[in-house]
Amino acid sequence: MKLKVATVWLGGCSGCHMSLLDLDERLIDLADRITLVYSPIADVKDFPRDVDVTLVEGAVANVEHEEFAHLIRRNSRFVVSFGDCAVTGNVTAMRNGLDTEEVLKRSYVELADLTPRIPRDYPTIAELMPQARPLHEFITVDAFIHGCPPTADQIWTAVSELLEGKKPALSHVFLRYG
């Protein structure tokens, strides 16, 4: 039986998902062994129940990310922090030393093309959290894949071990940061 796998993109750049696609021909082997049930590279609107493995890219940077993280944890047997933003906050957390109001002012007023105003009712974007934080500060994470982004070989090693029912034991070779 194929494992049900999901990938998620929170506050990050999508570099981890690009590295996943860098598996190249190994994607064919992977497709024979998993069912991709949710991903930003697939057109699925709702996160499903009973997911075997979820790879989560990106830091928790807004209230929507935090809610989504809890949904992922409830519906996933095994959750993996996928890349340094999910593991440590990394680049996404560079704003943490700045005042959130100043960040919003710079983004939505000073750099606006059409309607310079800070969003307050959040109908289309989520409210920023005071700080972008790593995933494990919000939910229990079962494994960590370091790297900014992780290499295709590192992803392959981790995913292969997960497919064998093992917790990925990534060596020190893969413990590199942005």
N, C-alpha and C. Protein backbone atom coordinates (compact mmCIF):
# COMPACT_ATOMS: atom_id res chain seq x y z
N MET A 1 0.84 -1.19 0.00
CA MET A 1 0.00 0.00 0.00
C MET A 1 0.88 1.25 0.00
N LYS A 2 0.52 2.22 -0.78
CA LYS A 2 1.28 3.45 -0.88
C LYS A 2 1.03 4.34 0.32
N LEU A 3 2.09 5.03 0.75
CA LEU A 3 1.95 6.02 1.82
C LEU A 3 1.28 7.27 1.27
N LYS A 4 0.42 7.86 2.09
CA LYS A 4 -0.19 9.14 1.73
C LYS A 4 0.74 10.24 2.24
N VAL A 5 1.24 11.06 1.31
CA VAL A 5 2.21 12.10 1.63
C VAL A 5 1.65 13.46 1.25
N ALA A 6 1.91 14.44 2.12
CA ALA A 6 1.54 15.82 1.84
C ALA A 6 2.79 16.69 1.98
N THR A 7 2.81 17.78 1.23
CA THR A 7 3.83 18.80 1.42
C THR A 7 3.11 20.13 1.59
N VAL A 8 3.65 20.98 2.46
CA VAL A 8 3.01 22.24 2.80
C VAL A 8 4.05 23.34 2.75
N TRP A 9 3.60 24.53 2.37
CA TRP A 9 4.47 25.69 2.30
C TRP A 9 3.88 26.78 3.18
N LEU A 10 4.58 27.11 4.29
CA LEU A 10 4.16 28.19 5.17
C LEU A 10 4.99 29.43 4.80
N GLY A 11 5.61 30.09 5.79
CA GLY A 11 6.38 31.30 5.52
C GLY A 11 7.78 30.98 5.07
N GLY A 12 8.00 30.98 3.78
CA GLY A 12 9.29 30.66 3.19
C GLY A 12 9.30 31.04 1.73
N CYS A 13 10.27 30.54 1.01
CA CYS A 13 10.48 30.98 -0.38
C CYS A 13 10.14 29.93 -1.43
N SER A 14 9.77 28.75 -1.04
CA SER A 14 9.49 27.59 -1.89
C SER A 14 10.75 26.88 -2.37
N GLY A 15 11.91 27.27 -1.86
CA GLY A 15 13.16 26.62 -2.25
C GLY A 15 13.19 25.15 -1.90
N CYS A 16 12.58 24.77 -0.78
CA CYS A 16 12.55 23.36 -0.38
C CYS A 16 11.73 22.54 -1.37
N HIS A 17 10.62 23.10 -1.83
CA HIS A 17 9.82 22.41 -2.84
C HIS A 17 10.56 22.33 -4.18
N MET A 18 11.34 23.36 -4.49
CA MET A 18 12.14 23.32 -5.72
C MET A 18 13.18 22.20 -5.61
N SER A 19 13.79 22.04 -4.42
CA SER A 19 14.74 20.95 -4.22
C SER A 19 14.06 19.59 -4.30
N LEU A 20 12.82 19.51 -3.84
CA LEU A 20 12.06 18.27 -3.98
C LEU A 20 11.91 17.92 -5.46
N LEU A 21 11.61 18.91 -6.27
CA LEU A 21 11.50 18.67 -7.71
C LEU A 21 12.85 18.31 -8.34
N ASP A 22 13.95 18.72 -7.68
CA ASP A 22 15.29 18.37 -8.16
C ASP A 22 15.62 16.89 -7.97
N LEU A 23 14.70 16.12 -7.40
CA LEU A 23 14.91 14.68 -7.35
C LEU A 23 14.97 14.09 -8.76
N ASP A 24 14.49 14.84 -9.75
CA ASP A 24 14.54 14.46 -11.16
C ASP A 24 13.95 13.07 -11.37
N GLU A 25 14.71 12.14 -11.95
CA GLU A 25 14.15 10.83 -12.29
C GLU A 25 13.74 10.03 -11.06
N ARG A 26 14.27 10.39 -9.90
CA ARG A 26 13.84 9.70 -8.67
C ARG A 26 12.38 10.02 -8.35
N LEU A 27 11.84 11.09 -8.92
CA LEU A 27 10.43 11.40 -8.73
C LEU A 27 9.54 10.29 -9.29
N ILE A 28 10.00 9.65 -10.35
CA ILE A 28 9.23 8.55 -10.94
C ILE A 28 9.16 7.39 -9.96
N ASP A 29 10.29 7.05 -9.36
CA ASP A 29 10.31 5.99 -8.34
C ASP A 29 9.44 6.37 -7.16
N LEU A 30 9.54 7.64 -6.75
CA LEU A 30 8.74 8.12 -5.63
C LEU A 30 7.24 8.03 -5.94
N ALA A 31 6.87 8.39 -7.15
CA ALA A 31 5.46 8.35 -7.56
C ALA A 31 4.90 6.93 -7.51
N ASP A 32 5.75 5.94 -7.71
CA ASP A 32 5.31 4.55 -7.62
C ASP A 32 5.09 4.10 -6.18
N ARG A 33 5.64 4.87 -5.21
CA ARG A 33 5.63 4.44 -3.81
C ARG A 33 4.73 5.28 -2.91
N ILE A 34 4.28 6.45 -3.39
CA ILE A 34 3.45 7.32 -2.55
C ILE A 34 2.23 7.80 -3.34
N THR A 35 1.27 8.30 -2.60
CA THR A 35 0.17 9.06 -3.17
C THR A 35 0.30 10.47 -2.61
N LEU A 36 0.53 11.43 -3.47
CA LEU A 36 0.63 12.82 -3.05
C LEU A 36 -0.78 13.34 -2.85
N VAL A 37 -1.16 13.56 -1.58
CA VAL A 37 -2.55 13.91 -1.27
C VAL A 37 -2.76 15.41 -1.07
N TYR A 38 -1.67 16.17 -0.90
CA TYR A 38 -1.78 17.62 -0.72
C TYR A 38 -0.41 18.23 -0.97
N SER A 39 -0.38 19.35 -1.70
CA SER A 39 0.89 20.02 -1.98
C SER A 39 0.63 21.31 -2.73
N PRO A 40 1.53 22.31 -2.59
CA PRO A 40 1.39 23.50 -3.42
C PRO A 40 1.67 23.20 -4.90
N ILE A 41 2.22 22.02 -5.19
CA ILE A 41 2.45 21.65 -6.60
C ILE A 41 1.34 20.75 -7.12
N ALA A 42 0.25 20.63 -6.36
CA ALA A 42 -0.93 19.87 -6.78
C ALA A 42 -2.15 20.73 -6.50
N ASP A 43 -3.21 20.51 -7.22
CA ASP A 43 -4.42 21.34 -7.08
C ASP A 43 -5.42 20.68 -6.13
N VAL A 44 -5.06 20.66 -4.83
CA VAL A 44 -5.94 20.12 -3.80
C VAL A 44 -6.23 21.26 -2.84
N LYS A 45 -7.49 21.52 -2.58
CA LYS A 45 -7.89 22.70 -1.79
C LYS A 45 -7.88 22.47 -0.28
N ASP A 46 -8.28 21.29 0.19
CA ASP A 46 -8.42 21.03 1.62
C ASP A 46 -7.42 19.99 2.08
N PHE A 47 -6.79 20.26 3.21
CA PHE A 47 -5.84 19.30 3.77
C PHE A 47 -6.61 18.07 4.23
N PRO A 48 -6.21 16.88 3.76
CA PRO A 48 -6.97 15.66 4.06
C PRO A 48 -6.69 15.08 5.45
N ARG A 49 -7.52 14.15 5.83
CA ARG A 49 -7.31 13.39 7.07
C ARG A 49 -6.40 12.20 6.77
N ASP A 50 -5.86 11.62 7.83
CA ASP A 50 -5.11 10.36 7.74
C ASP A 50 -3.94 10.41 6.76
N VAL A 51 -3.16 11.48 6.84
CA VAL A 51 -1.95 11.59 6.04
C VAL A 51 -0.84 10.84 6.77
N ASP A 52 -0.06 10.05 6.05
CA ASP A 52 1.03 9.31 6.69
C ASP A 52 2.21 10.22 7.02
N VAL A 53 2.65 11.02 6.05
CA VAL A 53 3.82 11.88 6.23
C VAL A 53 3.53 13.25 5.63
N THR A 54 3.81 14.31 6.42
CA THR A 54 3.69 15.67 5.90
C THR A 54 5.03 16.38 6.05
N LEU A 55 5.53 16.89 4.94
CA LEU A 55 6.74 17.72 4.92
C LEU A 55 6.27 19.17 4.96
N VAL A 56 6.71 19.93 5.98
CA VAL A 56 6.26 21.31 6.15
C VAL A 56 7.44 22.25 5.92
N GLU A 57 7.36 23.02 4.86
CA GLU A 57 8.36 24.05 4.55
C GLU A 57 7.91 25.38 5.13
N GLY A 58 8.84 26.14 5.69
CA GLY A 58 8.56 27.50 6.11
C GLY A 58 8.28 27.66 7.58
N ALA A 59 8.52 28.87 8.04
CA ALA A 59 8.27 29.23 9.44
C ALA A 59 6.79 29.57 9.63
N VAL A 60 6.36 29.58 10.87
CA VAL A 60 5.02 30.03 11.22
C VAL A 60 5.11 31.54 11.38
N ALA A 61 4.57 32.27 10.41
CA ALA A 61 4.76 33.73 10.36
C ALA A 61 3.47 34.52 10.55
N ASN A 62 2.32 33.86 10.41
CA ASN A 62 1.05 34.57 10.59
C ASN A 62 0.04 33.65 11.26
N VAL A 63 -1.11 34.20 11.63
CA VAL A 63 -2.10 33.42 12.38
C VAL A 63 -2.66 32.27 11.55
N GLU A 64 -2.74 32.44 10.25
CA GLU A 64 -3.21 31.37 9.38
C GLU A 64 -2.23 30.18 9.40
N HIS A 65 -0.94 30.47 9.39
CA HIS A 65 0.06 29.40 9.47
C HIS A 65 -0.09 28.61 10.76
N GLU A 66 -0.31 29.31 11.88
CA GLU A 66 -0.45 28.62 13.16
C GLU A 66 -1.66 27.68 13.15
N GLU A 67 -2.79 28.16 12.64
CA GLU A 67 -3.99 27.32 12.55
C GLU A 67 -3.73 26.11 11.65
N PHE A 68 -3.06 26.35 10.52
CA PHE A 68 -2.77 25.28 9.57
C PHE A 68 -1.83 24.25 10.20
N ALA A 69 -0.84 24.72 10.96
CA ALA A 69 0.10 23.80 11.62
C ALA A 69 -0.66 22.84 12.54
N HIS A 70 -1.60 23.35 13.28
CA HIS A 70 -2.38 22.48 14.18
C HIS A 70 -3.25 21.49 13.40
N LEU A 71 -3.81 21.93 12.29
CA LEU A 71 -4.59 21.03 11.43
C LEU A 71 -3.69 19.92 10.87
N ILE A 72 -2.51 20.30 10.42
CA ILE A 72 -1.56 19.32 9.89
C ILE A 72 -1.23 18.27 10.96
N ARG A 73 -0.93 18.73 12.17
CA ARG A 73 -0.57 17.80 13.24
C ARG A 73 -1.71 16.84 13.56
N ARG A 74 -2.94 17.35 13.62
CA ARG A 74 -4.10 16.50 13.91
C ARG A 74 -4.31 15.44 12.83
N ASN A 75 -3.97 15.77 11.60
CA ASN A 75 -4.29 14.89 10.47
C ASN A 75 -3.10 14.13 9.91
N SER A 76 -1.94 14.22 10.56
CA SER A 76 -0.73 13.56 10.05
C SER A 76 -0.14 12.64 11.10
N ARG A 77 0.23 11.48 10.66
CA ARG A 77 0.89 10.52 11.55
C ARG A 77 2.32 10.96 11.85
N PHE A 78 3.00 11.52 10.86
CA PHE A 78 4.41 11.89 10.98
C PHE A 78 4.60 13.25 10.33
N VAL A 79 5.12 14.23 11.10
CA VAL A 79 5.34 15.59 10.58
C VAL A 79 6.83 15.88 10.55
N VAL A 80 7.30 16.40 9.42
CA VAL A 80 8.71 16.71 9.22
C VAL A 80 8.88 18.20 8.97
N SER A 81 9.75 18.85 9.76
CA SER A 81 10.15 20.23 9.46
C SER A 81 11.10 20.14 8.26
N PHE A 82 10.71 20.78 7.18
CA PHE A 82 11.34 20.61 5.88
C PHE A 82 12.10 21.88 5.52
N GLY A 83 13.40 21.92 5.84
CA GLY A 83 14.23 23.08 5.53
C GLY A 83 14.39 24.01 6.72
N ASP A 84 15.38 24.88 6.63
CA ASP A 84 15.78 25.70 7.76
C ASP A 84 14.74 26.69 8.25
N CYS A 85 13.85 27.19 7.40
CA CYS A 85 12.81 28.10 7.89
C CYS A 85 11.87 27.36 8.85
N ALA A 86 11.51 26.13 8.51
CA ALA A 86 10.67 25.34 9.41
C ALA A 86 11.44 24.89 10.64
N VAL A 87 12.73 24.62 10.48
CA VAL A 87 13.55 24.10 11.57
C VAL A 87 13.96 25.19 12.56
N THR A 88 14.36 26.37 12.05
CA THR A 88 14.92 27.42 12.93
C THR A 88 14.25 28.78 12.78
N GLY A 89 13.43 28.97 11.77
CA GLY A 89 12.88 30.30 11.46
C GLY A 89 13.65 30.94 10.33
N ASN A 90 14.97 30.74 10.31
CA ASN A 90 15.90 31.15 9.25
C ASN A 90 15.57 32.51 8.64
N VAL A 91 15.52 32.60 7.33
CA VAL A 91 15.34 33.88 6.63
C VAL A 91 14.01 34.53 6.98
N THR A 92 12.97 33.74 7.12
CA THR A 92 11.65 34.29 7.45
C THR A 92 11.70 35.04 8.78
N ALA A 93 12.50 34.57 9.71
CA ALA A 93 12.60 35.18 11.03
C ALA A 93 13.50 36.41 11.06
N MET A 94 14.09 36.79 9.95
CA MET A 94 14.94 37.98 9.94
C MET A 94 14.16 39.23 10.30
N ARG A 95 12.85 39.20 10.15
CA ARG A 95 12.03 40.36 10.51
C ARG A 95 11.77 40.45 12.01
N ASN A 96 12.15 39.41 12.77
CA ASN A 96 11.80 39.34 14.19
C ASN A 96 12.33 40.51 15.00
N GLY A 97 13.41 41.11 14.62
CA GLY A 97 13.94 42.25 15.35
C GLY A 97 13.26 43.56 15.01
N LEU A 98 12.36 43.51 14.05
CA LEU A 98 11.66 44.71 13.60
C LEU A 98 10.27 44.79 14.20
N ASP A 99 9.77 45.99 14.31
CA ASP A 99 8.41 46.21 14.77
C ASP A 99 7.44 45.81 13.66
N THR A 100 6.46 44.98 13.99
CA THR A 100 5.50 44.49 12.99
C THR A 100 4.78 45.65 12.30
N GLU A 101 4.40 46.66 13.03
CA GLU A 101 3.72 47.82 12.43
C GLU A 101 4.61 48.52 11.41
N GLU A 102 5.90 48.60 11.71
CA GLU A 102 6.84 49.23 10.77
C GLU A 102 7.00 48.38 9.51
N VAL A 103 7.01 47.07 9.67
CA VAL A 103 7.08 46.16 8.51
C VAL A 103 5.84 46.35 7.63
N LEU A 104 4.67 46.39 8.25
CA LEU A 104 3.43 46.58 7.50
C LEU A 104 3.40 47.95 6.82
N LYS A 105 3.84 48.99 7.51
CA LYS A 105 3.86 50.33 6.94
C LYS A 105 4.77 50.38 5.72
N ARG A 106 5.96 49.80 5.85
CA ARG A 106 6.90 49.79 4.73
C ARG A 106 6.32 49.03 3.54
N SER A 107 5.71 47.89 3.81
CA SER A 107 5.19 47.02 2.74
C SER A 107 3.93 47.56 2.08
N TYR A 108 3.00 48.06 2.89
CA TYR A 108 1.67 48.40 2.37
C TYR A 108 1.42 49.89 2.19
N VAL A 109 2.29 50.74 2.71
CA VAL A 109 2.11 52.18 2.55
C VAL A 109 3.24 52.76 1.70
N GLU A 110 4.46 52.65 2.19
CA GLU A 110 5.59 53.26 1.51
C GLU A 110 5.88 52.65 0.14
N LEU A 111 5.66 51.37 -0.02
CA LEU A 111 5.96 50.70 -1.30
C LEU A 111 4.71 50.41 -2.14
N ALA A 112 3.57 50.97 -1.75
CA ALA A 112 2.31 50.70 -2.46
C ALA A 112 2.26 51.39 -3.80
N ASP A 113 1.66 50.72 -4.77
CA ASP A 113 1.46 51.30 -6.09
C ASP A 113 0.11 52.00 -6.20
N LEU A 114 -0.94 51.39 -5.63
CA LEU A 114 -2.28 51.91 -5.84
C LEU A 114 -2.94 52.46 -4.58
N THR A 115 -3.21 51.63 -3.62
CA THR A 115 -3.93 52.06 -2.42
C THR A 115 -3.06 51.88 -1.18
N PRO A 116 -2.34 52.92 -0.80
CA PRO A 116 -1.44 52.80 0.35
C PRO A 116 -2.18 52.79 1.69
N ARG A 117 -2.41 51.59 2.22
CA ARG A 117 -3.01 51.48 3.54
C ARG A 117 -2.66 50.11 4.12
N ILE A 118 -2.51 50.10 5.43
CA ILE A 118 -2.20 48.86 6.13
C ILE A 118 -3.48 48.06 6.27
N PRO A 119 -3.47 46.79 5.85
CA PRO A 119 -4.68 45.97 6.00
C PRO A 119 -4.99 45.71 7.47
N ARG A 120 -6.24 45.86 7.84
CA ARG A 120 -6.64 45.64 9.23
C ARG A 120 -7.73 44.57 9.38
N ASP A 121 -8.53 44.34 8.34
CA ASP A 121 -9.60 43.36 8.48
C ASP A 121 -9.20 41.99 7.94
N TYR A 122 -8.09 41.88 7.27
CA TYR A 122 -7.49 40.63 6.82
C TYR A 122 -8.42 39.73 6.01
N PRO A 123 -9.10 40.27 5.00
CA PRO A 123 -9.95 39.39 4.18
C PRO A 123 -9.15 38.55 3.18
N THR A 124 -7.98 39.04 2.74
CA THR A 124 -7.23 38.30 1.73
C THR A 124 -5.85 37.88 2.20
N ILE A 125 -5.31 38.54 3.22
CA ILE A 125 -4.02 38.13 3.77
C ILE A 125 -4.21 37.85 5.25
N ALA A 126 -3.34 37.05 5.80
CA ALA A 126 -3.45 36.72 7.23
C ALA A 126 -2.67 37.73 8.07
N GLU A 127 -3.14 37.93 9.27
CA GLU A 127 -2.49 38.85 10.21
C GLU A 127 -1.12 38.31 10.61
N LEU A 128 -0.10 39.17 10.49
CA LEU A 128 1.25 38.78 10.89
C LEU A 128 1.32 38.52 12.39
N MET A 129 2.09 37.52 12.76
CA MET A 129 2.39 37.30 14.18
C MET A 129 3.54 38.24 14.54
N PRO A 130 3.71 38.56 15.81
CA PRO A 130 4.80 39.46 16.20
C PRO A 130 6.18 38.94 15.76
N GLN A 131 6.34 37.61 15.72
CA GLN A 131 7.59 37.02 15.27
C GLN A 131 7.30 35.79 14.42
N ALA A 132 8.17 35.52 13.45
CA ALA A 132 8.12 34.26 12.70
C ALA A 132 8.90 33.24 13.52
N ARG A 133 8.30 32.08 13.74
CA ARG A 133 8.90 31.08 14.63
C ARG A 133 8.98 29.72 13.93
N PRO A 134 9.90 28.85 14.36
CA PRO A 134 10.00 27.51 13.79
C PRO A 134 8.77 26.66 14.13
N LEU A 135 8.49 25.71 13.29
CA LEU A 135 7.30 24.87 13.41
C LEU A 135 7.20 24.17 14.76
N HIS A 136 8.31 23.66 15.28
CA HIS A 136 8.27 22.87 16.52
C HIS A 136 7.87 23.69 17.74
N GLU A 137 7.84 25.01 17.62
CA GLU A 137 7.37 25.83 18.74
C GLU A 137 5.84 25.86 18.81
N PHE A 138 5.18 25.29 17.81
CA PHE A 138 3.71 25.29 17.77
C PHE A 138 3.11 23.89 17.82
N ILE A 139 3.80 22.94 17.20
CA ILE A 139 3.30 21.56 17.18
C ILE A 139 4.45 20.60 17.40
N THR A 140 4.13 19.37 17.70
CA THR A 140 5.15 18.33 17.82
C THR A 140 5.63 17.96 16.42
N VAL A 141 6.94 17.98 16.25
CA VAL A 141 7.56 17.61 14.98
C VAL A 141 8.33 16.31 15.20
N ASP A 142 8.21 15.40 14.25
CA ASP A 142 8.81 14.08 14.40
C ASP A 142 10.21 13.96 13.81
N ALA A 143 10.55 14.81 12.86
CA ALA A 143 11.88 14.77 12.24
C ALA A 143 12.18 16.13 11.63
N PHE A 144 13.47 16.38 11.40
CA PHE A 144 13.92 17.66 10.87
C PHE A 144 14.84 17.41 9.67
N ILE A 145 14.57 18.09 8.57
CA ILE A 145 15.46 18.06 7.41
C ILE A 145 16.06 19.45 7.29
N HIS A 146 17.34 19.56 7.64
CA HIS A 146 18.04 20.84 7.61
C HIS A 146 18.44 21.20 6.18
N GLY A 147 18.76 22.48 6.00
CA GLY A 147 19.28 22.96 4.73
C GLY A 147 18.46 24.12 4.21
N CYS A 148 19.10 24.98 3.47
CA CYS A 148 18.45 26.15 2.90
C CYS A 148 18.89 26.32 1.45
N PRO A 149 18.20 25.61 0.60
CA PRO A 149 17.25 24.52 0.88
C PRO A 149 17.98 23.20 1.08
N PRO A 150 17.28 22.19 1.57
CA PRO A 150 17.91 20.86 1.63
C PRO A 150 18.25 20.41 0.21
N THR A 151 19.28 19.62 0.09
CA THR A 151 19.64 19.11 -1.23
C THR A 151 18.67 17.99 -1.63
N ALA A 152 18.62 17.72 -2.92
CA ALA A 152 17.80 16.61 -3.41
C ALA A 152 18.24 15.29 -2.78
N ASP A 153 19.55 15.10 -2.63
CA ASP A 153 20.04 13.86 -2.02
C ASP A 153 19.60 13.74 -0.56
N GLN A 154 19.63 14.84 0.14
CA GLN A 154 19.19 14.84 1.54
C GLN A 154 17.70 14.51 1.63
N ILE A 155 16.90 15.10 0.76
CA ILE A 155 15.46 14.83 0.74
C ILE A 155 15.22 13.36 0.39
N TRP A 156 15.94 12.86 -0.59
CA TRP A 156 15.80 11.47 -1.00
C TRP A 156 16.13 10.52 0.14
N THR A 157 17.21 10.81 0.86
CA THR A 157 17.60 9.98 2.00
C THR A 157 16.48 9.95 3.05
N ALA A 158 15.98 11.13 3.40
CA ALA A 158 14.94 11.21 4.43
C ALA A 158 13.65 10.52 3.96
N VAL A 159 13.21 10.80 2.76
CA VAL A 159 11.96 10.22 2.26
C VAL A 159 12.10 8.71 2.11
N SER A 160 13.24 8.25 1.64
CA SER A 160 13.45 6.80 1.50
C SER A 160 13.33 6.10 2.84
N GLU A 161 13.93 6.69 3.88
CA GLU A 161 13.84 6.08 5.21
C GLU A 161 12.39 6.10 5.72
N LEU A 162 11.69 7.18 5.47
CA LEU A 162 10.28 7.25 5.88
C LEU A 162 9.46 6.18 5.17
N LEU A 163 9.74 5.96 3.90
CA LEU A 163 9.00 4.94 3.14
C LEU A 163 9.29 3.54 3.65
N GLU A 164 10.44 3.37 4.30
CA GLU A 164 10.79 2.08 4.90
C GLU A 164 10.27 1.97 6.34
N GLY A 165 9.52 2.99 6.78
CA GLY A 165 8.97 2.97 8.12
C GLY A 165 9.96 3.39 9.20
N LYS A 166 11.08 3.99 8.80
CA LYS A 166 12.10 4.42 9.76
C LYS A 166 12.04 5.93 9.95
N LYS A 167 12.46 6.36 11.12
CA LYS A 167 12.64 7.78 11.36
C LYS A 167 13.96 8.17 10.69
N PRO A 168 13.96 9.22 9.86
CA PRO A 168 15.20 9.58 9.16
C PRO A 168 16.33 9.87 10.13
N ALA A 169 17.47 9.24 9.88
CA ALA A 169 18.67 9.47 10.68
C ALA A 169 19.66 10.19 9.78
N LEU A 170 19.51 11.49 9.68
CA LEU A 170 20.36 12.26 8.78
C LEU A 170 21.71 12.51 9.45
N SER A 171 22.77 12.25 8.71
CA SER A 171 24.11 12.38 9.26
C SER A 171 24.52 13.85 9.39
N HIS A 172 25.63 14.07 10.05
CA HIS A 172 26.17 15.41 10.22
C HIS A 172 26.46 16.09 8.88
N VAL A 173 26.63 15.31 7.83
CA VAL A 173 26.90 15.87 6.50
C VAL A 173 25.74 16.77 6.06
N PHE A 174 24.52 16.43 6.50
CA PHE A 174 23.36 17.18 6.09
C PHE A 174 23.01 18.33 7.05
N LEU A 175 23.73 18.44 8.15
CA LEU A 175 23.42 19.49 9.12
C LEU A 175 24.14 20.77 8.75
N ARG A 176 23.64 21.43 7.72
CA ARG A 176 24.20 22.70 7.27
C ARG A 176 23.09 23.73 7.32
N TYR A 177 23.46 24.95 7.52
CA TYR A 177 22.45 26.01 7.63
C TYR A 177 22.69 27.06 6.56
N GLY A 178 21.57 27.66 6.05
CA GLY A 178 21.55 28.70 5.07
C GLY A 178 22.87 29.30 4.83
